[in-house]
């Protein structure tokens, strides 16, 4: 597994996961439920968005296309 993003909140992580999966890339949020039960200040490292190692490059490209310029 490769972590390709660590947004500050679970809503953004869920958006990234949905975006990746709509492009055929399976994504995982190992911190999803933990982040929903902790105060934001306790999850300072963000919510990990992970993909299979072989999908990491393609996943980063998908997310880069959706970042504001």
Protein backbone atom coordinates (compact mmCIF):
# COMPACT_ATOMS: atom_id res chain seq x y z
CA UNK A 1 0.00 0.00 0.00
CA UNK A 2 1.11 3.51 -0.81
CA UNK A 3 -0.25 6.64 0.87
CA UNK A 4 -0.92 9.16 -1.90
CA UNK A 5 -2.63 11.89 0.13
CA UNK A 6 -3.34 12.88 3.73
CA UNK A 7 -6.11 15.47 3.78
CA UNK A 8 -6.97 17.15 7.07
CA UNK A 9 -10.53 15.84 7.24
CA UNK A 10 -12.48 12.70 6.46
CA UNK A 11 -14.82 14.46 4.03
CA UNK A 12 -11.96 15.39 1.73
CA UNK A 13 -10.49 11.89 2.06
CA UNK A 14 -13.85 10.39 1.08
CA UNK A 15 -13.98 12.74 -1.92
CA UNK A 16 -10.51 11.60 -3.01
CA UNK A 17 -11.51 7.95 -2.57
CA UNK A 18 -14.65 8.48 -4.67
CA UNK A 19 -12.69 10.32 -7.35
CA UNK A 20 -10.07 7.56 -7.55
CA UNK A 21 -12.64 4.78 -7.64
CA UNK A 22 -14.59 6.55 -10.40
CA UNK A 23 -11.34 6.35 -12.37
CA UNK A 24 -10.97 2.62 -11.74
CA UNK A 25 -8.45 2.85 -8.89
CA UNK A 26 -9.35 1.06 -5.65
CA UNK A 27 -8.64 3.34 -2.68
CA UNK A 28 -8.55 2.71 1.06
CA UNK A 29 -8.96 4.99 4.08
CA UNK A 30 -7.40 3.10 7.00
CA UNK A 31 -7.99 6.07 9.34
CA UNK A 32 -11.60 6.71 8.29
CA UNK A 33 -13.39 5.52 11.42
CA UNK A 34 -10.68 6.66 13.81
CA UNK A 35 -10.82 10.16 12.36
CA UNK A 36 -14.59 10.31 12.85
CA UNK A 37 -14.20 9.55 16.55
CA UNK A 38 -11.26 11.80 17.43
CA UNK A 39 -11.16 15.52 17.89
CA UNK A 40 -9.54 17.17 14.85
CA UNK A 41 -6.55 18.31 16.91
CA UNK A 42 -5.82 14.68 17.88
CA UNK A 43 -5.58 13.62 14.22
CA UNK A 44 -2.96 16.16 13.22
CA UNK A 45 -1.38 13.91 10.61
CA UNK A 46 -4.53 13.78 8.48
CA UNK A 47 -6.57 10.94 7.03
CA UNK A 48 -4.50 8.59 4.86
CA UNK A 49 -5.70 7.84 1.33
CA UNK A 50 -3.98 4.66 0.17
CA UNK A 51 -3.86 2.66 -3.05
CA UNK A 52 -2.10 -0.47 -4.20
CA UNK A 53 1.58 0.21 -4.95
CA UNK A 54 1.15 -0.39 -8.68
CA UNK A 55 -1.67 2.22 -8.83
CA UNK A 56 0.17 4.99 -6.98
CA UNK A 57 1.44 6.90 -10.02
CA UNK A 58 -1.94 6.86 -11.77
CA UNK A 59 -3.71 7.85 -8.54
CA UNK A 60 -1.43 10.83 -8.02
CA UNK A 61 -2.11 11.91 -11.60
CA UNK A 62 -5.88 11.73 -11.05
CA UNK A 63 -5.66 13.81 -7.87
CA UNK A 64 -3.30 16.33 -9.50
CA UNK A 65 -5.88 17.00 -12.22
CA UNK A 66 -8.48 17.93 -9.61
CA UNK A 67 -6.28 20.28 -7.56
CA UNK A 68 -7.04 24.00 -7.95
CA UNK A 69 -4.49 25.90 -10.01
